[in-house]
Amino acid sequence: MSANVFFMDLEATSKENLPQKLSRLVKRAGIKNILAKNDLTAVKIHFGEQGNTAYIRPIFIRKIIQTIKGYKASPFLTDANTLYVGSRSNSVSHIHTAIENGFSYSSMDSTPIIIADGLRGKSETKIRVDQKNCNHVYIGSEVVSANALVSVAHFKGHELSGFGGTLKNIGMGCASRKGKLDMHSNVSPKIKRKTCIGCSECKKYCPTQAIYLKGEKAYINQKKCIGCAECVVRCPTESVNINWNQTVPVFLEKMMEYNLGALKNKGGKVFFVNFITDISPKCDCLSYSESPIVNNVGILASTDPVAIDQASADLVNQQTALPGTTLQTNLKPGEDKFKGLYPSVDWEHQLDYAQKIGLGTREYKLIKLKTLSYKK
C-alpha cells in the first residue's frame, strides 16, 4: 500500500507567498490530525553549523510553528548535541549558534529552543527496539517526552548515507551523544598520541574511569568505555577521535533502528517535511556550504518517513545537474545523483531496511499542490 506525499513547487504569486503556501501544504498533508490542544510538540530541525548557509531559512520554520500554534498545540524547536567538536556540541553553544543563524525566541514567534539531550548530551532515554543491530537505542529525553514530533529536514547529499533527509534528521538527529557514537562505531574513541598533551581533561570527565595517563599521554580502556563520547568534546586539542570503522550498511541499519526508538512512543503523532532546496552535496554540520548540485525542487510533506525520503530522492534524480559543482558524473535527468557523489554508498539500503522493520513504505503517491492565482 502506498503512502501519500504532498508536494509544492516554489512558485509564488501576489495571492499566496511561499510561507503561506507552505502552511497550506502541511495542512493539506494532515498536520492537524497529529495535534491536540496543549500538545508539547517537538519541531526537530537542524540549526546549521556556524558558517553554513544551506540550512532551512528561519522564515519557513516560523510559518510551520505558527501553523502548529493555530491548532492550540505548544511547539518547541529542538535538536540534539553533536558528536564531533563544533559550535553545537553543548546546549549553550548550540543555542548561541541557533540564534546567530536566525532561530531566536522572537523570530520564532515566541517559541523556545530546548536541546533534546541536555546541557552536555547526556540527557537520554534508553528505549528497547530489539532489532538486528540494536537491542536498545539512546534518544534525547526531551524528544521522548514530547507528545508529538514534527520533523523538518533539509534534503541534501551526505558522506555516509548518500543523502540526508527525514530519516537522518530523526535517527541521527534525535540520538544522544552515546547514541550517535553507537551508530558510528563499534569500539571506543581513539586518542591521537602526537597531539595529546596529557592535560587529563578527558580523564576528569570520564564517567567510568576508562581513561588513564601513561607517559604523559592518555589511553582508553576499551573494556570500561561505555561509548558516551564525553572525551571527544572535552579534549582541548581535538586529540580524541571517533573510530570510523563502521561499515556503511550497518551504519544505515542502525540509523533506521534509532528512528524506531525515536518514534516508538508517539502513537502516530508524527509528521514530516522535507525541503528540497539548496541541495548541497554534504551535511549542514559542516562550517561551510558547497554549491548546490541541482536547482531547487520544492517542499514535501507526509506522515510516512520512508515515502517522503524516497520521493525526495526521486525528485532530485529527475533533475539535470548544475555545472561546476562537486558532482562530476550522473549529470543527466534520471541518473543517480547520490551515486555520482558517493559511489561506494548504497543509499537505497536504508530505505529497504526502514521498510522491512516497519517504519514506512517506499511506495508513494505524489500529490501536487496547485499554485493559487487570481483569475482574469
Foldseek 3Di string as FASTA:
>chain_A
DAFAKEWEFQDADPVAHDLRVLLVQQVVQPLLVLDAAAFEEEAQAQLFFAQADLGDQLVNLLSVLVSNVVRNYAYAYEWAADLAAGQRQFPVSVVVSSVVSPNDCVSSPNHYYDYQAHGHLPQWDWAAQPDDQDRTATFRNVLVPTLAYEYEYEWAQAQQQLIDWLLCSQLVTGGGSLRNLSLQDPWEWFFQFVQQQLPCQLCVPQPQSQWDDDPSGIDGNGVRDSRNSSSCHRGPRNRTGRDRPDDSLSSLLSSLSSNCRSCVPNVLSYKYKYFQAQHFNHDSHDSHTFGHFFHGGTMMIHSASLQNSLVSQLRVQQTATDPDGQQDPSRHGNGRSSCSSHVVHPNCSSSVSSVVSPRGHNHYDYHYDDHDDDDD
